[in-house]
Amino acid sequence: MASSSYSNPPCAACKFLRRKCLPSCTFAPYFPPEEPTKFANVHKIFGASNVSKLLNEIPPHQREDAVNSLAYEAEARLKDPVYGCVGAISVLQRQVLHLQKELDATNADLMLYASNEVSHSYPLLSNPTFMRINAQYNGGEPNPRYASPWNNGSLNENSNTTNANGSM
């Protein structure tokens, strides 16, 4: 069996650049051979030379985060060449504002319903349209206890409705 002087596959950067991957390769820890598109995108947007310079200027404990940021920005730039990450951030901020307004409106509704439930008052009783509909279902007289068009006055003590047995 022929022995190989090379035991590890080249990193994605060296494979893309078609060069020998040395043990001191700057890219190897951050661009593994299993992720070739990660380096291809970063190279297309920033260039290998600029990425190499950047990695050499950054402290070693911050390099992985920097490479992940470069990869994210490169992917965003390929999707949206004009705005890149800023476009994605703007869309997300608009969604957050819309959802915050929706949440505020829902919380206000909940507070309104909770306060009505506690005080047992029904704000619909003072609504003129609702009072007219309620009067129509209650024989011309509005039901002061509970204004609901579907109960047909069943909560009114002197209602003339019949029960299931046919008695009053």
C-alpha atoms as a PDB file:
ATOM      1  CA  MET A   1       0.000   0.000   0.000  1.00  0.00           C
ATOM      2  CA  ALA A   2       1.402   3.382  -0.932  1.00  0.00           C
ATOM      3  CA  SER A   3       1.820   5.720   1.978  1.00  0.00           C
ATOM      4  CA  SER A   4       0.465   9.186   1.643  1.00  0.00           C
ATOM      5  CA  SER A   5       2.282  12.168   3.037  1.00  0.00           C
ATOM      6  CA  TYR A   6      -1.123  13.786   3.358  1.00  0.00           C
ATOM      7  CA  SER A   7      -3.546  12.386   5.937  1.00  0.00           C
ATOM      8  CA  ASN A   8      -6.173  15.128   6.258  1.00  0.00           C
ATOM      9  CA  PRO A   9      -8.301  16.421   3.402  1.00  0.00           C
ATOM     10  CA  PRO A  10      -7.710  20.065   2.482  1.00  0.00           C
ATOM     11  CA  CYS A  11      -9.955  22.664   4.072  1.00  0.00           C
ATOM     12  CA  ALA A  12     -12.734  24.138   1.958  1.00  0.00           C
ATOM     13  CA  ALA A  13     -10.692  27.290   1.323  1.00  0.00           C
ATOM     14  CA  CYS A  14      -7.590  25.483   0.079  1.00  0.00           C
ATOM     15  CA  LYS A  15      -9.684  23.129  -2.028  1.00  0.00           C
ATOM     16  CA  PHE A  16     -11.535  26.093  -3.562  1.00  0.00           C
ATOM     17  CA  LEU A  17      -8.291  27.982  -4.173  1.00  0.00           C
ATOM     18  CA  ARG A  18      -6.612  24.777  -5.444  1.00  0.00           C
ATOM     19  CA  ARG A  19      -3.636  24.962  -3.197  1.00  0.00           C
ATOM     20  CA  LYS A  20      -1.988  22.675  -0.687  1.00  0.00           C
ATOM     21  CA  CYS A  21      -3.477  22.926   2.788  1.00  0.00           C
ATOM     22  CA  LEU A  22      -0.610  23.274   5.251  1.00  0.00           C
ATOM     23  CA  PRO A  23      -0.892  22.578   8.987  1.00  0.00           C
ATOM     24  CA  SER A  24      -0.521  26.331   9.574  1.00  0.00           C
ATOM     25  CA  CYS A  25      -3.423  27.189   7.241  1.00  0.00           C
ATOM     26  CA  THR A  26      -5.359  30.208   8.534  1.00  0.00           C
ATOM     27  CA  PHE A  27      -8.617  29.002   7.004  1.00  0.00           C
ATOM     28  CA  ALA A  28      -8.587  25.338   8.082  1.00  0.00           C
ATOM     29  CA  PRO A  29     -10.164  25.732  11.555  1.00  0.00           C
ATOM     30  CA  TYR A  30     -13.023  27.862  10.225  1.00  0.00           C
ATOM     31  CA  PHE A  31     -13.783  26.408   6.781  1.00  0.00           C
ATOM     32  CA  PRO A  32     -13.986  22.620   7.135  1.00  0.00           C
ATOM     33  CA  PRO A  33     -14.017  20.468   3.996  1.00  0.00           C
ATOM     34  CA  GLU A  34     -17.666  19.498   4.677  1.00  0.00           C
ATOM     35  CA  GLU A  35     -18.818  23.099   4.088  1.00  0.00           C
ATOM     36  CA  PRO A  36     -17.460  24.149   0.689  1.00  0.00           C
ATOM     37  CA  THR A  37     -20.197  26.700  -0.025  1.00  0.00           C
ATOM     38  CA  LYS A  38     -19.394  28.608   3.155  1.00  0.00           C
ATOM     39  CA  PHE A  39     -15.955  29.581   1.851  1.00  0.00           C
ATOM     40  CA  ALA A  40     -17.155  29.981  -1.735  1.00  0.00           C
ATOM     41  CA  ASN A  41     -19.717  32.590  -0.637  1.00  0.00           C
ATOM     42  CA  VAL A  42     -17.237  34.424   1.604  1.00  0.00           C
ATOM     43  CA  HIS A  43     -14.623  34.411  -1.160  1.00  0.00           C
ATOM     44  CA  LYS A  44     -17.107  35.709  -3.734  1.00  0.00           C
ATOM     45  CA  ILE A  45     -18.089  38.682  -1.568  1.00  0.00           C
ATOM     46  CA  PHE A  46     -14.932  39.516   0.420  1.00  0.00           C
ATOM     47  CA  GLY A  47     -12.041  37.762  -1.332  1.00  0.00           C
ATOM     48  CA  ALA A  48      -9.593  35.278   0.180  1.00  0.00           C
ATOM     49  CA  SER A  49      -6.855  37.856   0.707  1.00  0.00           C
ATOM     50  CA  ASN A  50      -9.123  40.200   2.685  1.00  0.00           C
ATOM     51  CA  VAL A  51     -10.460  37.349   4.827  1.00  0.00           C
ATOM     52  CA  SER A  52      -6.919  36.128   5.508  1.00  0.00           C
ATOM     53  CA  LYS A  53      -5.802  39.626   6.553  1.00  0.00           C
ATOM     54  CA  LEU A  54      -8.872  40.024   8.759  1.00  0.00           C
ATOM     55  CA  LEU A  55      -8.306  36.686  10.504  1.00  0.00           C
ATOM     56  CA  ASN A  56      -4.657  37.511  11.158  1.00  0.00           C
ATOM     57  CA  GLU A  57      -5.586  40.864  12.749  1.00  0.00           C
ATOM     58  CA  ILE A  58      -8.285  39.436  15.049  1.00  0.00           C
ATOM     59  CA  PRO A  59      -7.430  37.732  18.352  1.00  0.00           C
ATOM     60  CA  PRO A  60      -7.738  33.927  18.055  1.00  0.00           C
ATOM     61  CA  HIS A  61     -10.700  33.684  20.459  1.00  0.00           C
ATOM     62  CA  GLN A  62     -12.769  36.000  18.217  1.00  0.00           C
ATOM     63  CA  ARG A  63     -11.961  34.435  14.852  1.00  0.00           C
ATOM     64  CA  GLU A  64     -14.744  31.863  14.805  1.00  0.00           C
ATOM     65  CA  ASP A  65     -17.382  34.529  15.469  1.00  0.00           C
ATOM     66  CA  ALA A  66     -15.856  36.751  12.785  1.00  0.00           C
ATOM     67  CA  VAL A  67     -15.926  33.934  10.218  1.00  0.00           C
ATOM     68  CA  ASN A  68     -19.553  33.122  11.092  1.00  0.00           C
ATOM     69  CA  SER A  69     -20.447  36.801  10.673  1.00  0.00           C
ATOM     70  CA  LEU A  70     -18.645  36.967   7.336  1.00  0.00           C
ATOM     71  CA  ALA A  71     -20.423  33.823   6.154  1.00  0.00           C
ATOM     72  CA  TYR A  72     -23.808  35.190   7.211  1.00  0.00           C
ATOM     73  CA  GLU A  73     -23.183  38.557   5.540  1.00  0.00           C
ATOM     74  CA  ALA A  74     -21.909  36.865   2.372  1.00  0.00           C
ATOM     75  CA  GLU A  75     -25.023  34.689   2.146  1.00  0.00           C
ATOM     76  CA  ALA A  76     -27.257  37.712   2.767  1.00  0.00           C
ATOM     77  CA  ARG A  77     -25.368  39.729   0.117  1.00  0.00           C
ATOM     78  CA  LEU A  78     -25.855  36.957  -2.422  1.00  0.00           C
ATOM     79  CA  LYS A  79     -29.602  36.916  -1.713  1.00  0.00           C
ATOM     80  CA  ASP A  80     -29.949  40.708  -1.590  1.00  0.00           C
ATOM     81  CA  PRO A  81     -26.957  42.436  -3.242  1.00  0.00           C
ATOM     82  CA  VAL A  82     -28.102  45.940  -2.313  1.00  0.00           C
ATOM     83  CA  TYR A  83     -29.043  45.671   1.367  1.00  0.00           C
ATOM     84  CA  GLY A  84     -27.570  42.358   2.538  1.00  0.00           C
ATOM     85  CA  CYS A  85     -28.000  41.857   6.286  1.00  0.00           C
ATOM     86  CA  VAL A  86     -29.442  45.329   6.734  1.00  0.00           C
ATOM     87  CA  GLY A  87     -32.410  44.387   4.560  1.00  0.00           C
ATOM     88  CA  ALA A  88     -33.066  41.276   6.654  1.00  0.00           C
ATOM     89  CA  ILE A  89     -32.749  43.285   9.869  1.00  0.00           C
ATOM     90  CA  SER A  90     -35.175  45.927   8.570  1.00  0.00           C
ATOM     91  CA  VAL A  91     -37.762  43.291   7.672  1.00  0.00           C
ATOM     92  CA  LEU A  92     -37.434  41.704  11.108  1.00  0.00           C
ATOM     93  CA  GLN A  93     -37.709  45.073  12.872  1.00  0.00           C
ATOM     94  CA  ARG A  94     -40.910  45.860  10.954  1.00  0.00           C
ATOM     95  CA  GLN A  95     -42.313  42.463  11.940  1.00  0.00           C
ATOM     96  CA  VAL A  96     -41.445  43.096  15.584  1.00  0.00           C
ATOM     97  CA  LEU A  97     -43.163  46.504  15.518  1.00  0.00           C
ATOM     98  CA  HIS A  98     -46.267  45.040  13.850  1.00  0.00           C
ATOM     99  CA  LEU A  99     -46.426  42.186  16.344  1.00  0.00           C
ATOM    100  CA  GLN A 100     -45.873  44.585  19.266  1.00  0.00           C
ATOM    101  CA  LYS A 101     -48.833  46.705  18.120  1.00  0.00           C
ATOM    102  CA  GLU A 102     -50.940  43.571  17.732  1.00  0.00           C
ATOM    103  CA  LEU A 103     -49.922  42.403  21.208  1.00  0.00           C
ATOM    104  CA  ASP A 104     -50.729  45.799  22.715  1.00  0.00           C
ATOM    105  CA  ALA A 105     -54.180  45.775  21.086  1.00  0.00           C
ATOM    106  CA  THR A 106     -54.841  42.249  22.334  1.00  0.00           C
ATOM    107  CA  ASN A 107     -53.727  43.164  25.849  1.00  0.00           C
ATOM    108  CA  ALA A 108     -56.031  46.205  25.776  1.00  0.00           C
ATOM    109  CA  ASP A 109     -58.924  43.964  24.696  1.00  0.00           C
ATOM    110  CA  LEU A 110     -58.123  41.524  27.471  1.00  0.00           C
ATOM    111  CA  MET A 111     -58.043  44.316  30.036  1.00  0.00           C
ATOM    112  CA  LEU A 112     -61.389  45.588  28.752  1.00  0.00           C
ATOM    113  CA  TYR A 113     -62.985  42.151  28.965  1.00  0.00           C
ATOM    114  CA  ALA A 114     -61.429  41.468  32.368  1.00  0.00           C
ATOM    115  CA  SER A 115     -62.733  44.766  33.759  1.00  0.00           C
ATOM    116  CA  ASN A 116     -66.197  44.074  32.317  1.00  0.00           C
ATOM    117  CA  GLU A 117     -66.224  40.603  33.813  1.00  0.00           C
ATOM    118  CA  VAL A 118     -65.258  41.913  37.251  1.00  0.00           C
ATOM    119  CA  SER A 119     -67.856  44.685  37.284  1.00  0.00           C
ATOM    120  CA  HIS A 120     -70.506  42.552  35.537  1.00  0.00           C
ATOM    121  CA  SER A 121     -71.405  45.485  33.356  1.00  0.00           C
ATOM    122  CA  TYR A 122     -72.050  45.040  29.672  1.00  0.00           C
ATOM    123  CA  PRO A 123     -70.948  47.947  27.482  1.00  0.00           C
ATOM    124  CA  LEU A 124     -73.257  46.746  24.707  1.00  0.00           C
ATOM    125  CA  LEU A 125     -76.310  47.827  26.689  1.00  0.00           C
ATOM    126  CA  SER A 126     -75.645  51.459  25.838  1.00  0.00           C
ATOM    127  CA  ASN A 127     -75.050  50.816  22.137  1.00  0.00           C
ATOM    128  CA  PRO A 128     -78.123  52.180  20.270  1.00  0.00           C
ATOM    129  CA  THR A 129     -77.894  49.652  17.424  1.00  0.00           C
ATOM    130  CA  PHE A 130     -77.652  46.772  19.842  1.00  0.00           C
ATOM    131  CA  MET A 131     -80.549  48.136  21.920  1.00  0.00           C
ATOM    132  CA  ARG A 132     -82.728  48.291  18.787  1.00  0.00           C
ATOM    133  CA  ILE A 133     -81.869  44.679  17.842  1.00  0.00           C
ATOM    134  CA  ASN A 134     -82.434  43.557  21.430  1.00  0.00           C
ATOM    135  CA  ALA A 135     -85.835  45.264  21.538  1.00  0.00           C
ATOM    136  CA  GLN A 136     -86.781  43.536  18.296  1.00  0.00           C
ATOM    137  CA  TYR A 137     -86.093  40.108  19.840  1.00  0.00           C
ATOM    138  CA  ASN A 138     -87.759  40.909  23.158  1.00  0.00           C
ATOM    139  CA  GLY A 139     -91.180  41.950  21.878  1.00  0.00           C
ATOM    140  CA  GLY A 140     -90.382  45.644  21.554  1.00  0.00           C
ATOM    141  CA  GLU A 141     -88.937  46.113  25.054  1.00  0.00           C
ATOM    142  CA  PRO A 142     -85.179  46.080  25.635  1.00  0.00           C
ATOM    143  CA  ASN A 143     -84.003  43.550  28.201  1.00  0.00           C
ATOM    144  CA  PRO A 144     -82.254  45.569  30.915  1.00  0.00           C
ATOM    145  CA  ARG A 145     -80.576  42.528  32.516  1.00  0.00           C
ATOM    146  CA  TYR A 146     -78.800  41.062  29.525  1.00  0.00           C
ATOM    147  CA  ALA A 147     -78.856  42.459  26.024  1.00  0.00           C
ATOM    148  CA  SER A 148     -78.434  39.440  23.779  1.00  0.00           C
ATOM    149  CA  PRO A 149     -80.377  38.849  20.563  1.00  0.00           C
ATOM    150  CA  TRP A 150     -79.964  35.063  20.744  1.00  0.00           C
ATOM    151  CA  ASN A 151     -81.524  34.442  24.169  1.00  0.00           C
ATOM    152  CA  ASN A 152     -84.896  35.844  23.053  1.00  0.00           C
ATOM    153  CA  GLY A 153     -85.507  37.355  26.480  1.00  0.00           C
ATOM    154  CA  SER A 154     -85.024  34.090  28.404  1.00  0.00           C
ATOM    155  CA  LEU A 155     -83.374  35.905  31.293  1.00  0.00           C
ATOM    156  CA  ASN A 156     -86.281  38.307  31.656  1.00  0.00           C
ATOM    157  CA  GLU A 157     -88.563  37.244  34.542  1.00  0.00           C
ATOM    158  CA  ASN A 158     -91.805  38.077  32.737  1.00  0.00           C
ATOM    159  CA  SER A 159     -90.846  36.519  29.416  1.00  0.00           C
ATOM    160  CA  ASN A 160     -93.497  34.716  27.416  1.00  0.00           C
ATOM    161  CA  THR A 161     -91.281  31.949  26.061  1.00  0.00           C
ATOM    162  CA  THR A 162     -92.126  28.291  26.309  1.00  0.00           C
ATOM    163  CA  ASN A 163     -89.837  25.544  27.492  1.00  0.00           C
ATOM    164  CA  ALA A 164     -89.201  22.161  25.844  1.00  0.00           C
ATOM    165  CA  ASN A 165     -92.417  20.661  27.364  1.00  0.00           C
ATOM    166  CA  GLY A 166     -94.556  23.341  25.778  1.00  0.00           C
ATOM    167  CA  SER A 167     -95.449  24.985  29.088  1.00  0.00           C
ATOM    168  CA  MET A 168     -94.815  28.609  29.991  1.00  0.00           C
END
